[in-house]
Amino acid sequence: MAEMARRLLLLCWIGDTFEEIERTAHQPPADTAAMIRLAEYMTNAMGVTLPHLREKVKESVTRMLYLLDCVEFTADDIEVNTATALWVDKIKPTFDYSAEVIEQCKQKFEDALTERTEALVSDIEKLKNRVRELDDLGDVNNMAVYVSDMRALRRKLTELEGVTEWINEQEALFKFPISTYPEIHQLQVSTYEIHQLQASIEPFANLFALTLRWQKTLKKWLDGAFLELDGESVEADTEEFSRALQSSGRGREEGRPRINVDDPNPDNLPGPLRICCKTIEQIDAFKTHLPLVLVLCNPGMRDRHWAEMSSIAERDITPDSGTT
């Protein structure tokens, strides 16, 4: 009885192992990594597991022949024995099927890799052309559109970095030479280090965002609630905008001027340089009003002060909640 039990366990293990091979072979791989794992599994099954199973099947048959003289087998026993013995031949088409599926998937995934690589190269070239066109953006009244364009460019660059990583992963799985796409790093500030900014969108994005912030801030000062203004804060913010734009205007990369506000004829400069110059001119013009702003928007102003100034102006200039 103990020998029968051991043999039954062996038969179950053999059957389960064959079924696992067959089940795994019929699961189509979803991607390259899964295909590689399937190929490795089937190679191991063919070279290691299958020879071992053949030996176990022989061992099972030998034990059955030994037990025939002393044990009466039931119909179920005979069926299990027969099924186990037939697995060795039954499994062969499974390996052929798996090899065919793997080859088809390999071709499919290689084609997808080639297609995405070609699309990446095309997208990079389009982005390079788009960045070159940034020098034509010179309408100071179009800042909101320009800032939106910069966000879209940044999103596209992030997307292309993800595509590049995917391509490199696929090439590694296929054991292809790893491609490099330095154009991407020339177009943006990468995760690891700042690459050449000559083709980078960052100076443009920073200038457009800074100019838009200035325009919104100025509009708030001019059209917002007068009683909420603080002269010293207005002066400090104005100086900060001025310094930031001057710094952006004098920025240089690898010895090449990005923006030169000292150019004698700014109208001949590329668009972003004109934006910088015109915005600085606007700030300088606003600065001429700062002495008045500091007086009128002084938190120390009292009703008597407004009354005195109204008397001098010969009209009531006392601000209220609707004054801008």
C-alpha atoms as a PDB file:
ATOM      1  CA  MET A   1       0.000   0.000   0.000  1.00  0.00           C
ATOM      2  CA  ALA A   2       2.836   2.405   0.776  1.00  0.00           C
ATOM      3  CA  GLU A   3       4.335   1.714  -2.643  1.00  0.00           C
ATOM      4  CA  MET A   4       0.954   2.404  -4.260  1.00  0.00           C
ATOM      5  CA  ALA A   5       0.689   5.708  -2.403  1.00  0.00           C
ATOM      6  CA  ARG A   6       4.187   6.775  -3.470  1.00  0.00           C
ATOM      7  CA  ARG A   7       3.429   5.857  -7.058  1.00  0.00           C
ATOM      8  CA  LEU A   8       0.144   7.780  -6.988  1.00  0.00           C
ATOM      9  CA  LEU A   9       1.938  10.903  -5.745  1.00  0.00           C
ATOM     10  CA  LEU A  10       4.527  10.523  -8.499  1.00  0.00           C
ATOM     11  CA  LEU A  11       1.820  10.206 -11.151  1.00  0.00           C
ATOM     12  CA  CYS A  12       0.073  13.328  -9.838  1.00  0.00           C
ATOM     13  CA  TRP A  13       3.341  15.307  -9.853  1.00  0.00           C
ATOM     14  CA  ILE A  14       4.156  14.196 -13.415  1.00  0.00           C
ATOM     15  CA  GLY A  15       0.683  15.123 -14.655  1.00  0.00           C
ATOM     16  CA  ASP A  16       0.687  18.495 -12.878  1.00  0.00           C
ATOM     17  CA  THR A  17       4.111  19.383 -14.286  1.00  0.00           C
ATOM     18  CA  PHE A  18       3.115  18.521 -17.850  1.00  0.00           C
ATOM     19  CA  GLU A  19      -0.111  20.520 -17.451  1.00  0.00           C
ATOM     20  CA  GLU A  20       1.833  23.501 -16.142  1.00  0.00           C
ATOM     21  CA  ILE A  21       4.106  23.413 -19.199  1.00  0.00           C
ATOM     22  CA  GLU A  22       1.127  23.194 -21.527  1.00  0.00           C
ATOM     23  CA  ARG A  23      -0.757  25.964 -19.708  1.00  0.00           C
ATOM     24  CA  THR A  24       2.245  28.302 -19.709  1.00  0.00           C
ATOM     25  CA  ALA A  25       2.969  27.654 -23.385  1.00  0.00           C
ATOM     26  CA  HIS A  26      -0.564  28.684 -24.350  1.00  0.00           C
ATOM     27  CA  GLN A  27      -0.458  32.051 -22.553  1.00  0.00           C
ATOM     28  CA  PRO A  28       0.429  34.647 -25.227  1.00  0.00           C
ATOM     29  CA  PRO A  29       3.017  37.155 -23.954  1.00  0.00           C
ATOM     30  CA  ALA A  30       1.728  40.713 -23.591  1.00  0.00           C
ATOM     31  CA  ASP A  31       5.071  42.403 -24.080  1.00  0.00           C
ATOM     32  CA  THR A  32       8.740  41.796 -24.822  1.00  0.00           C
ATOM     33  CA  ALA A  33       9.671  41.042 -21.222  1.00  0.00           C
ATOM     34  CA  ALA A  34       6.902  38.425 -20.976  1.00  0.00           C
ATOM     35  CA  MET A  35       8.027  36.933 -24.292  1.00  0.00           C
ATOM     36  CA  ILE A  36      11.612  36.646 -23.032  1.00  0.00           C
ATOM     37  CA  ARG A  37      10.410  34.983 -19.833  1.00  0.00           C
ATOM     38  CA  LEU A  38       8.278  32.535 -21.834  1.00  0.00           C
ATOM     39  CA  ALA A  39      11.178  31.700 -24.152  1.00  0.00           C
ATOM     40  CA  GLU A  40      13.475  31.078 -21.188  1.00  0.00           C
ATOM     41  CA  TYR A  41      10.824  28.967 -19.469  1.00  0.00           C
ATOM     42  CA  MET A  42      10.208  26.819 -22.557  1.00  0.00           C
ATOM     43  CA  THR A  43      13.935  26.410 -23.178  1.00  0.00           C
ATOM     44  CA  ASN A  44      14.396  25.191 -19.620  1.00  0.00           C
ATOM     45  CA  ALA A  45      11.341  22.947 -19.938  1.00  0.00           C
ATOM     46  CA  MET A  46      12.712  21.390 -23.119  1.00  0.00           C
ATOM     47  CA  GLY A  47      16.286  20.957 -21.934  1.00  0.00           C
ATOM     48  CA  VAL A  48      15.849  20.212 -18.234  1.00  0.00           C
ATOM     49  CA  THR A  49      12.275  19.514 -17.159  1.00  0.00           C
ATOM     50  CA  LEU A  50      11.241  17.258 -20.047  1.00  0.00           C
ATOM     51  CA  PRO A  51      14.218  14.849 -19.781  1.00  0.00           C
ATOM     52  CA  HIS A  52      13.572  14.643 -16.050  1.00  0.00           C
ATOM     53  CA  LEU A  53       9.895  13.898 -16.669  1.00  0.00           C
ATOM     54  CA  ARG A  54      10.776  11.149 -19.146  1.00  0.00           C
ATOM     55  CA  GLU A  55      12.847   9.461 -16.461  1.00  0.00           C
ATOM     56  CA  LYS A  56      10.001   9.780 -13.983  1.00  0.00           C
ATOM     57  CA  VAL A  57       7.555   8.293 -16.503  1.00  0.00           C
ATOM     58  CA  LYS A  58       9.898   5.334 -17.037  1.00  0.00           C
ATOM     59  CA  GLU A  59      10.179   4.958 -13.292  1.00  0.00           C
ATOM     60  CA  SER A  60       6.385   4.986 -13.000  1.00  0.00           C
ATOM     61  CA  VAL A  61       6.005   2.315 -15.693  1.00  0.00           C
ATOM     62  CA  THR A  62       8.640   0.151 -14.001  1.00  0.00           C
ATOM     63  CA  ARG A  63       6.800   0.376 -10.682  1.00  0.00           C
ATOM     64  CA  MET A  64       3.513  -0.463 -12.357  1.00  0.00           C
ATOM     65  CA  LEU A  65       4.986  -3.597 -13.944  1.00  0.00           C
ATOM     66  CA  TYR A  66       6.333  -4.599 -10.544  1.00  0.00           C
ATOM     67  CA  LEU A  67       2.938  -4.141  -8.910  1.00  0.00           C
ATOM     68  CA  LEU A  68       0.970  -5.981 -11.613  1.00  0.00           C
ATOM     69  CA  ASP A  69       1.786  -9.331 -10.028  1.00  0.00           C
ATOM     70  CA  CYS A  70       0.516  -8.385  -6.596  1.00  0.00           C
ATOM     71  CA  VAL A  71      -2.082  -5.639  -7.032  1.00  0.00           C
ATOM     72  CA  GLU A  72      -5.278  -5.530  -9.005  1.00  0.00           C
ATOM     73  CA  PHE A  73      -5.533  -2.129 -10.750  1.00  0.00           C
ATOM     74  CA  THR A  74      -8.890  -0.426 -11.117  1.00  0.00           C
ATOM     75  CA  ALA A  75     -10.061   1.159 -14.362  1.00  0.00           C
ATOM     76  CA  ASP A  76      -9.168   4.591 -12.934  1.00  0.00           C
ATOM     77  CA  ASP A  77      -5.655   3.414 -12.090  1.00  0.00           C
ATOM     78  CA  ILE A  78      -5.140   2.151 -15.607  1.00  0.00           C
ATOM     79  CA  GLU A  79      -6.484   5.415 -17.060  1.00  0.00           C
ATOM     80  CA  VAL A  80      -4.102   7.514 -14.933  1.00  0.00           C
ATOM     81  CA  ASN A  81      -1.163   5.285 -15.860  1.00  0.00           C
ATOM     82  CA  THR A  82      -1.998   5.487 -19.544  1.00  0.00           C
ATOM     83  CA  ALA A  83      -2.451   9.284 -19.466  1.00  0.00           C
ATOM     84  CA  THR A  84       0.868   9.712 -17.720  1.00  0.00           C
ATOM     85  CA  ALA A  85       2.708   7.555 -20.233  1.00  0.00           C
ATOM     86  CA  LEU A  86       1.149   9.445 -23.142  1.00  0.00           C
ATOM     87  CA  TRP A  87       2.200  12.891 -21.837  1.00  0.00           C
ATOM     88  CA  VAL A  88       5.714  12.535 -23.258  1.00  0.00           C
ATOM     89  CA  ASP A  89       4.403  12.388 -26.831  1.00  0.00           C
ATOM     90  CA  LYS A  90       1.404  14.629 -26.175  1.00  0.00           C
ATOM     91  CA  ILE A  91       3.562  17.535 -25.033  1.00  0.00           C
ATOM     92  CA  LYS A  92       5.705  17.701 -28.197  1.00  0.00           C
ATOM     93  CA  PRO A  93       3.237  19.819 -30.262  1.00  0.00           C
ATOM     94  CA  THR A  94       3.086  22.231 -27.338  1.00  0.00           C
ATOM     95  CA  PHE A  95       6.766  23.084 -27.763  1.00  0.00           C
ATOM     96  CA  ASP A  96       6.277  23.562 -31.504  1.00  0.00           C
ATOM     97  CA  TYR A  97       3.281  25.828 -30.864  1.00  0.00           C
ATOM     98  CA  SER A  98       5.170  27.847 -28.279  1.00  0.00           C
ATOM     99  CA  ALA A  99       8.167  28.312 -30.562  1.00  0.00           C
ATOM    100  CA  GLU A 100       5.868  29.598 -33.301  1.00  0.00           C
ATOM    101  CA  VAL A 101       4.085  32.006 -30.933  1.00  0.00           C
ATOM    102  CA  ILE A 102       7.382  33.325 -29.600  1.00  0.00           C
ATOM    103  CA  GLU A 103       8.702  33.923 -33.107  1.00  0.00           C
ATOM    104  CA  GLN A 104       5.508  35.743 -34.106  1.00  0.00           C
ATOM    105  CA  CYS A 105       5.620  37.879 -30.973  1.00  0.00           C
ATOM    106  CA  LYS A 106       9.294  38.612 -31.512  1.00  0.00           C
ATOM    107  CA  GLN A 107       8.571  39.926 -35.000  1.00  0.00           C
ATOM    108  CA  LYS A 108       5.580  41.904 -33.736  1.00  0.00           C
ATOM    109  CA  PHE A 109       7.497  43.514 -30.871  1.00  0.00           C
ATOM    110  CA  GLU A 110      10.533  44.237 -33.060  1.00  0.00           C
ATOM    111  CA  ASP A 111       8.269  45.951 -35.589  1.00  0.00           C
ATOM    112  CA  ALA A 112       6.702  48.007 -32.796  1.00  0.00           C
ATOM    113  CA  LEU A 113      10.165  48.951 -31.550  1.00  0.00           C
ATOM    114  CA  THR A 114      11.246  50.041 -35.024  1.00  0.00           C
ATOM    115  CA  GLU A 115       8.044  52.023 -35.509  1.00  0.00           C
ATOM    116  CA  ARG A 116       8.364  53.867 -32.195  1.00  0.00           C
ATOM    117  CA  THR A 117      12.050  54.529 -32.792  1.00  0.00           C
ATOM    118  CA  GLU A 118      11.308  56.111 -36.164  1.00  0.00           C
ATOM    119  CA  ALA A 119       8.466  58.128 -34.628  1.00  0.00           C
ATOM    120  CA  LEU A 120      10.777  59.291 -31.837  1.00  0.00           C
ATOM    121  CA  VAL A 121      13.395  60.510 -34.299  1.00  0.00           C
ATOM    122  CA  SER A 122      10.681  62.370 -36.215  1.00  0.00           C
ATOM    123  CA  ASP A 123       9.233  63.909 -33.042  1.00  0.00           C
ATOM    124  CA  ILE A 124      12.670  65.045 -31.893  1.00  0.00           C
ATOM    125  CA  GLU A 125      13.286  66.763 -35.221  1.00  0.00           C
ATOM    126  CA  LYS A 126       9.902  68.495 -35.019  1.00  0.00           C
ATOM    127  CA  LEU A 127      10.697  69.669 -31.496  1.00  0.00           C
ATOM    128  CA  LYS A 128      14.065  71.017 -32.580  1.00  0.00           C
ATOM    129  CA  ASN A 129      12.342  72.998 -35.318  1.00  0.00           C
ATOM    130  CA  ARG A 130       9.728  74.202 -32.827  1.00  0.00           C
ATOM    131  CA  VAL A 131      12.418  75.430 -30.440  1.00  0.00           C
ATOM    132  CA  ARG A 132      14.150  77.276 -33.257  1.00  0.00           C
ATOM    133  CA  GLU A 133      10.842  79.015 -33.968  1.00  0.00           C
ATOM    134  CA  LEU A 134      10.692  80.339 -30.408  1.00  0.00           C
ATOM    135  CA  ASP A 135      12.925  83.207 -31.478  1.00  0.00           C
ATOM    136  CA  ASP A 136       9.988  84.453 -33.563  1.00  0.00           C
ATOM    137  CA  LEU A 137       7.686  84.835 -30.544  1.00  0.00           C
ATOM    138  CA  GLY A 138       7.850  88.546 -29.879  1.00  0.00           C
ATOM    139  CA  ASP A 139       4.303  89.767 -29.200  1.00  0.00           C
ATOM    140  CA  VAL A 140       4.306  91.151 -25.679  1.00  0.00           C
ATOM    141  CA  ASN A 141       0.492  90.887 -25.624  1.00  0.00           C
ATOM    142  CA  ASN A 142       0.566  87.153 -26.296  1.00  0.00           C
ATOM    143  CA  MET A 143       2.222  85.966 -23.090  1.00  0.00           C
ATOM    144  CA  ALA A 144      -0.605  83.677 -21.956  1.00  0.00           C
ATOM    145  CA  VAL A 145      -0.456  81.808 -25.270  1.00  0.00           C
ATOM    146  CA  TYR A 146       3.338  81.566 -25.117  1.00  0.00           C
ATOM    147  CA  VAL A 147       3.283  80.227 -21.552  1.00  0.00           C
ATOM    148  CA  SER A 148       0.711  77.619 -22.608  1.00  0.00           C
ATOM    149  CA  ASP A 149       2.957  76.652 -25.531  1.00  0.00           C
ATOM    150  CA  MET A 150       5.898  76.199 -23.160  1.00  0.00           C
ATOM    151  CA  ARG A 151       3.870  73.875 -20.949  1.00  0.00           C
ATOM    152  CA  ALA A 152       2.943  71.817 -24.000  1.00  0.00           C
ATOM    153  CA  LEU A 153       6.600  71.627 -25.069  1.00  0.00           C
ATOM    154  CA  ARG A 154       7.650  70.500 -21.607  1.00  0.00           C
ATOM    155  CA  ARG A 155       4.958  67.818 -21.565  1.00  0.00           C
ATOM    156  CA  LYS A 156       6.114  66.611 -24.975  1.00  0.00           C
ATOM    157  CA  LEU A 157       9.720  66.466 -23.787  1.00  0.00           C
ATOM    158  CA  THR A 158       8.695  64.434 -20.754  1.00  0.00           C
ATOM    159  CA  GLU A 159       6.754  62.102 -23.036  1.00  0.00           C
ATOM    160  CA  LEU A 160       9.758  61.668 -25.333  1.00  0.00           C
ATOM    161  CA  GLU A 161      12.002  60.871 -22.382  1.00  0.00           C
ATOM    162  CA  GLY A 162       9.581  58.110 -21.432  1.00  0.00           C
ATOM    163  CA  VAL A 163       9.606  56.796 -24.999  1.00  0.00           C
ATOM    164  CA  THR A 164      13.412  56.852 -25.013  1.00  0.00           C
ATOM    165  CA  GLU A 165      13.548  54.836 -21.791  1.00  0.00           C
ATOM    166  CA  TRP A 166      11.058  52.326 -23.216  1.00  0.00           C
ATOM    167  CA  ILE A 167      13.074  51.965 -26.430  1.00  0.00           C
ATOM    168  CA  ASN A 168      16.307  51.424 -24.506  1.00  0.00           C
ATOM    169  CA  GLU A 169      14.609  48.798 -22.332  1.00  0.00           C
ATOM    170  CA  GLN A 170      13.321  46.980 -25.414  1.00  0.00           C
ATOM    171  CA  GLU A 171      16.727  47.139 -27.087  1.00  0.00           C
ATOM    172  CA  ALA A 172      18.308  45.665 -23.979  1.00  0.00           C
ATOM    173  CA  LEU A 173      15.769  42.827 -23.953  1.00  0.00           C
ATOM    174  CA  PHE A 174      16.397  42.119 -27.633  1.00  0.00           C
ATOM    175  CA  LYS A 175      20.134  42.563 -27.015  1.00  0.00           C
ATOM    176  CA  PHE A 176      20.277  45.339 -29.605  1.00  0.00           C
ATOM    177  CA  PRO A 177      22.848  48.177 -29.309  1.00  0.00           C
ATOM    178  CA  ILE A 178      21.420  50.820 -26.980  1.00  0.00           C
ATOM    179  CA  SER A 179      20.399  53.976 -28.849  1.00  0.00           C
ATOM    180  CA  THR A 180      21.131  57.422 -27.485  1.00  0.00           C
ATOM    181  CA  TYR A 181      19.076  60.493 -28.153  1.00  0.00           C
ATOM    182  CA  PRO A 182      21.166  63.485 -27.016  1.00  0.00           C
ATOM    183  CA  GLU A 183      18.760  65.827 -28.800  1.00  0.00           C
ATOM    184  CA  ILE A 184      16.272  65.381 -25.974  1.00  0.00           C
ATOM    185  CA  HIS A 185      18.802  66.459 -23.368  1.00  0.00           C
ATOM    186  CA  GLN A 186      19.806  69.439 -25.483  1.00  0.00           C
ATOM    187  CA  LEU A 187      16.197  70.601 -25.491  1.00  0.00           C
ATOM    188  CA  GLN A 188      15.507  70.576 -21.780  1.00  0.00           C
ATOM    189  CA  VAL A 189      16.832  70.457 -18.275  1.00  0.00           C
ATOM    190  CA  SER A 190      17.173  66.709 -17.737  1.00  0.00           C
ATOM    191  CA  THR A 191      16.610  64.790 -14.546  1.00  0.00           C
ATOM    192  CA  TYR A 192      20.292  64.330 -13.785  1.00  0.00           C
ATOM    193  CA  GLU A 193      22.141  67.368 -15.040  1.00  0.00           C
ATOM    194  CA  ILE A 194      21.737  70.570 -16.974  1.00  0.00           C
ATOM    195  CA  HIS A 195      22.719  69.941 -20.567  1.00  0.00           C
ATOM    196  CA  GLN A 196      23.453  72.545 -23.169  1.00  0.00           C
ATOM    197  CA  LEU A 197      20.890  75.316 -22.996  1.00  0.00           C
ATOM    198  CA  GLN A 198      21.499  76.556 -26.519  1.00  0.00           C
ATOM    199  CA  ALA A 199      18.513  74.572 -27.734  1.00  0.00           C
ATOM    200  CA  SER A 200      16.771  74.536 -24.358  1.00  0.00           C
ATOM    201  CA  ILE A 201      13.286  75.901 -23.932  1.00  0.00           C
ATOM    202  CA  GLU A 202      13.928  76.902 -20.331  1.00  0.00           C
ATOM    203  CA  PRO A 203      15.162  80.475 -21.002  1.00  0.00           C
ATOM    204  CA  PHE A 204      12.121  81.076 -23.189  1.00  0.00           C
ATOM    205  CA  ALA A 205       9.726  79.496 -20.695  1.00  0.00           C
ATOM    206  CA  ASN A 206      11.204  81.476 -17.809  1.00  0.00           C
ATOM    207  CA  LEU A 207      11.050  84.769 -19.715  1.00  0.00           C
ATOM    208  CA  PHE A 208       7.464  84.238 -20.883  1.00  0.00           C
ATOM    209  CA  ALA A 209       6.305  83.169 -17.410  1.00  0.00           C
ATOM    210  CA  LEU A 210       8.090  86.108 -15.773  1.00  0.00           C
ATOM    211  CA  THR A 211       6.613  88.586 -18.253  1.00  0.00           C
ATOM    212  CA  LEU A 212       3.121  87.160 -17.782  1.00  0.00           C
ATOM    213  CA  ARG A 213       3.460  87.426 -13.987  1.00  0.00           C
ATOM    214  CA  TRP A 214       4.514  91.052 -14.345  1.00  0.00           C
ATOM    215  CA  GLN A 215       1.548  91.809 -16.604  1.00  0.00           C
ATOM    216  CA  LYS A 216      -0.903  90.177 -14.188  1.00  0.00           C
ATOM    217  CA  THR A 217       0.674  91.935 -11.211  1.00  0.00           C
ATOM    218  CA  LEU A 218       0.569  95.321 -12.929  1.00  0.00           C
ATOM    219  CA  LYS A 219      -3.072  94.798 -13.905  1.00  0.00           C
ATOM    220  CA  LYS A 220      -3.903  93.929 -10.297  1.00  0.00           C
ATOM    221  CA  TRP A 221      -2.188  97.101  -9.079  1.00  0.00           C
ATOM    222  CA  LEU A 222      -3.909  99.296 -11.655  1.00  0.00           C
ATOM    223  CA  ASP A 223      -7.370  97.709 -11.681  1.00  0.00           C
ATOM    224  CA  GLY A 224      -7.552  96.064  -8.257  1.00  0.00           C
ATOM    225  CA  ALA A 225      -8.732  97.484  -4.941  1.00  0.00           C
ATOM    226  CA  PHE A 226      -6.748 100.641  -4.143  1.00  0.00           C
ATOM    227  CA  LEU A 227      -7.170 100.260  -0.386  1.00  0.00           C
ATOM    228  CA  GLU A 228      -5.398  96.885  -0.471  1.00  0.00           C
ATOM    229  CA  LEU A 229      -2.207  98.302  -1.987  1.00  0.00           C
ATOM    230  CA  ASP A 230       0.928  98.809   0.068  1.00  0.00           C
ATOM    231  CA  GLY A 231       3.406 101.221  -1.454  1.00  0.00           C
ATOM    232  CA  GLU A 232       6.515  99.542  -0.098  1.00  0.00           C
ATOM    233  CA  SER A 233       5.368  96.123  -1.341  1.00  0.00           C
ATOM    234  CA  VAL A 234       4.633  97.569  -4.773  1.00  0.00           C
ATOM    235  CA  GLU A 235       8.091  99.125  -4.886  1.00  0.00           C
ATOM    236  CA  ALA A 236       9.808  95.916  -3.723  1.00  0.00           C
ATOM    237  CA  ASP A 237       7.912  93.754  -6.219  1.00  0.00           C
ATOM    238  CA  THR A 238       8.665  96.176  -9.045  1.00  0.00           C
ATOM    239  CA  GLU A 239      12.379  96.095  -8.257  1.00  0.00           C
ATOM    240  CA  GLU A 240      12.285  92.299  -8.095  1.00  0.00           C
ATOM    241  CA  PHE A 241      10.655  92.070 -11.524  1.00  0.00           C
ATOM    242  CA  SER A 242      13.188  94.546 -12.890  1.00  0.00           C
ATOM    243  CA  ARG A 243      16.155  92.584 -11.561  1.00  0.00           C
ATOM    244  CA  ALA A 244      14.755  89.276 -12.802  1.00  0.00           C
ATOM    245  CA  LEU A 245      14.210  90.617 -16.303  1.00  0.00           C
ATOM    246  CA  GLN A 246      17.625  92.259 -16.378  1.00  0.00           C
ATOM    247  CA  SER A 247      19.163  88.947 -15.325  1.00  0.00           C
ATOM    248  CA  SER A 248      17.180  87.092 -17.978  1.00  0.00           C
ATOM    249  CA  GLY A 249      18.104  89.717 -20.515  1.00  0.00           C
ATOM    250  CA  ARG A 250      21.796  89.365 -19.891  1.00  0.00           C
ATOM    251  CA  GLY A 251      21.738  85.594 -19.735  1.00  0.00           C
ATOM    252  CA  ARG A 252      24.376  83.821 -21.771  1.00  0.00           C
ATOM    253  CA  GLU A 253      24.996  80.266 -22.698  1.00  0.00           C
ATOM    254  CA  GLU A 254      28.397  79.006 -23.805  1.00  0.00           C
ATOM    255  CA  GLY A 255      29.449  82.562 -24.619  1.00  0.00           C
ATOM    256  CA  ARG A 256      26.476  83.240 -26.900  1.00  0.00           C
ATOM    257  CA  PRO A 257      24.161  86.054 -25.798  1.00  0.00           C
ATOM    258  CA  ARG A 258      20.668  84.825 -25.210  1.00  0.00           C
ATOM    259  CA  ILE A 259      19.275  88.331 -24.684  1.00  0.00           C
ATOM    260  CA  ASN A 260      21.236  91.564 -24.899  1.00  0.00           C
ATOM    261  CA  VAL A 261      19.244  94.528 -23.624  1.00  0.00           C
ATOM    262  CA  ASP A 262      22.051  96.891 -24.645  1.00  0.00           C
ATOM    263  CA  ASP A 263      21.425  96.337 -28.353  1.00  0.00           C
ATOM    264  CA  PRO A 264      21.028  99.797 -29.938  1.00  0.00           C
ATOM    265  CA  ASN A 265      18.103  98.621 -32.061  1.00  0.00           C
ATOM    266  CA  PRO A 266      15.967  96.141 -30.104  1.00  0.00           C
ATOM    267  CA  ASP A 267      13.402  95.912 -32.910  1.00  0.00           C
ATOM    268  CA  ASN A 268      15.975  93.982 -34.930  1.00  0.00           C
ATOM    269  CA  LEU A 269      16.409  91.399 -32.198  1.00  0.00           C
ATOM    270  CA  PRO A 270      14.629  88.033 -32.038  1.00  0.00           C
ATOM    271  CA  GLY A 271      11.156  88.014 -30.511  1.00  0.00           C
ATOM    272  CA  PRO A 272      12.016  87.081 -26.912  1.00  0.00           C
ATOM    273  CA  LEU A 273      14.669  89.793 -26.784  1.00  0.00           C
ATOM    274  CA  ARG A 274      12.084  92.347 -27.869  1.00  0.00           C
ATOM    275  CA  ILE A 275       9.693  91.082 -25.208  1.00  0.00           C
ATOM    276  CA  CYS A 276      12.371  91.494 -22.572  1.00  0.00           C
ATOM    277  CA  CYS A 277      13.289  95.006 -23.702  1.00  0.00           C
ATOM    278  CA  LYS A 278       9.677  96.185 -23.976  1.00  0.00           C
ATOM    279  CA  THR A 279       8.801  94.764 -20.570  1.00  0.00           C
ATOM    280  CA  ILE A 280      11.809  96.450 -18.975  1.00  0.00           C
ATOM    281  CA  GLU A 281      10.738  99.706 -20.627  1.00  0.00           C
ATOM    282  CA  GLN A 282       7.253  99.232 -19.179  1.00  0.00           C
ATOM    283  CA  ILE A 283       8.686  98.610 -15.724  1.00  0.00           C
ATOM    284  CA  ASP A 284      10.941 101.653 -15.965  1.00  0.00           C
ATOM    285  CA  ALA A 285       7.946 103.769 -16.976  1.00  0.00           C
ATOM    286  CA  PHE A 286       5.982 102.459 -14.003  1.00  0.00           C
ATOM    287  CA  LYS A 287       8.892 103.228 -11.679  1.00  0.00           C
ATOM    288  CA  THR A 288       8.443 106.945 -12.378  1.00  0.00           C
ATOM    289  CA  HIS A 289       5.123 106.704 -10.525  1.00  0.00           C
ATOM    290  CA  LEU A 290       6.547 104.881  -7.496  1.00  0.00           C
ATOM    291  CA  PRO A 291       7.130 108.071  -5.436  1.00  0.00           C
ATOM    292  CA  LEU A 292       3.424 108.870  -5.793  1.00  0.00           C
ATOM    293  CA  VAL A 293       2.472 105.257  -5.042  1.00  0.00           C
ATOM    294  CA  LEU A 294       4.605 105.308  -1.890  1.00  0.00           C
ATOM    295  CA  VAL A 295       2.754 108.392  -0.682  1.00  0.00           C
ATOM    296  CA  LEU A 296      -0.802 107.452  -1.624  1.00  0.00           C
ATOM    297  CA  CYS A 297      -0.493 103.771  -0.659  1.00  0.00           C
ATOM    298  CA  ASN A 298       1.161 104.410   2.695  1.00  0.00           C
ATOM    299  CA  PRO A 299      -0.529 102.458   5.515  1.00  0.00           C
ATOM    300  CA  GLY A 300      -0.035 105.548   7.676  1.00  0.00           C
ATOM    301  CA  MET A 301      -2.430 107.631   5.582  1.00  0.00           C
ATOM    302  CA  ARG A 302      -5.388 108.910   7.627  1.00  0.00           C
ATOM    303  CA  ASP A 303      -8.642 110.609   6.752  1.00  0.00           C
ATOM    304  CA  ARG A 304      -7.188 114.019   7.621  1.00  0.00           C
ATOM    305  CA  HIS A 305      -4.424 113.493   5.087  1.00  0.00           C
ATOM    306  CA  TRP A 306      -6.935 112.710   2.350  1.00  0.00           C
ATOM    307  CA  ALA A 307      -8.989 115.732   3.394  1.00  0.00           C
ATOM    308  CA  GLU A 308      -5.952 118.002   3.091  1.00  0.00           C
ATOM    309  CA  MET A 309      -5.036 116.598  -0.348  1.00  0.00           C
ATOM    310  CA  SER A 310      -8.671 116.867  -1.485  1.00  0.00           C
ATOM    311  CA  SER A 311      -8.644 120.507  -0.470  1.00  0.00           C
ATOM    312  CA  ILE A 312      -5.488 121.136  -2.495  1.00  0.00           C
ATOM    313  CA  ALA A 313      -6.873 119.234  -5.507  1.00  0.00           C
ATOM    314  CA  GLU A 314     -10.179 121.089  -5.135  1.00  0.00           C
ATOM    315  CA  ARG A 315     -12.067 117.796  -5.412  1.00  0.00           C
ATOM    316  CA  ASP A 316     -12.620 114.784  -3.214  1.00  0.00           C
ATOM    317  CA  ILE A 317      -9.906 112.202  -3.872  1.00  0.00           C
ATOM    318  CA  THR A 318     -10.537 110.134  -0.749  1.00  0.00           C
ATOM    319  CA  PRO A 319     -10.450 106.440  -1.830  1.00  0.00           C
ATOM    320  CA  ASP A 320     -13.279 104.051  -1.062  1.00  0.00           C
ATOM    321  CA  SER A 321     -13.927 100.342  -1.645  1.00  0.00           C
ATOM    322  CA  GLY A 322     -14.528 100.953  -5.349  1.00  0.00           C
ATOM    323  CA  THR A 323     -11.386 102.989  -5.965  1.00  0.00           C
ATOM    324  CA  THR A 324      -8.708 101.482  -8.221  1.00  0.00           C
END
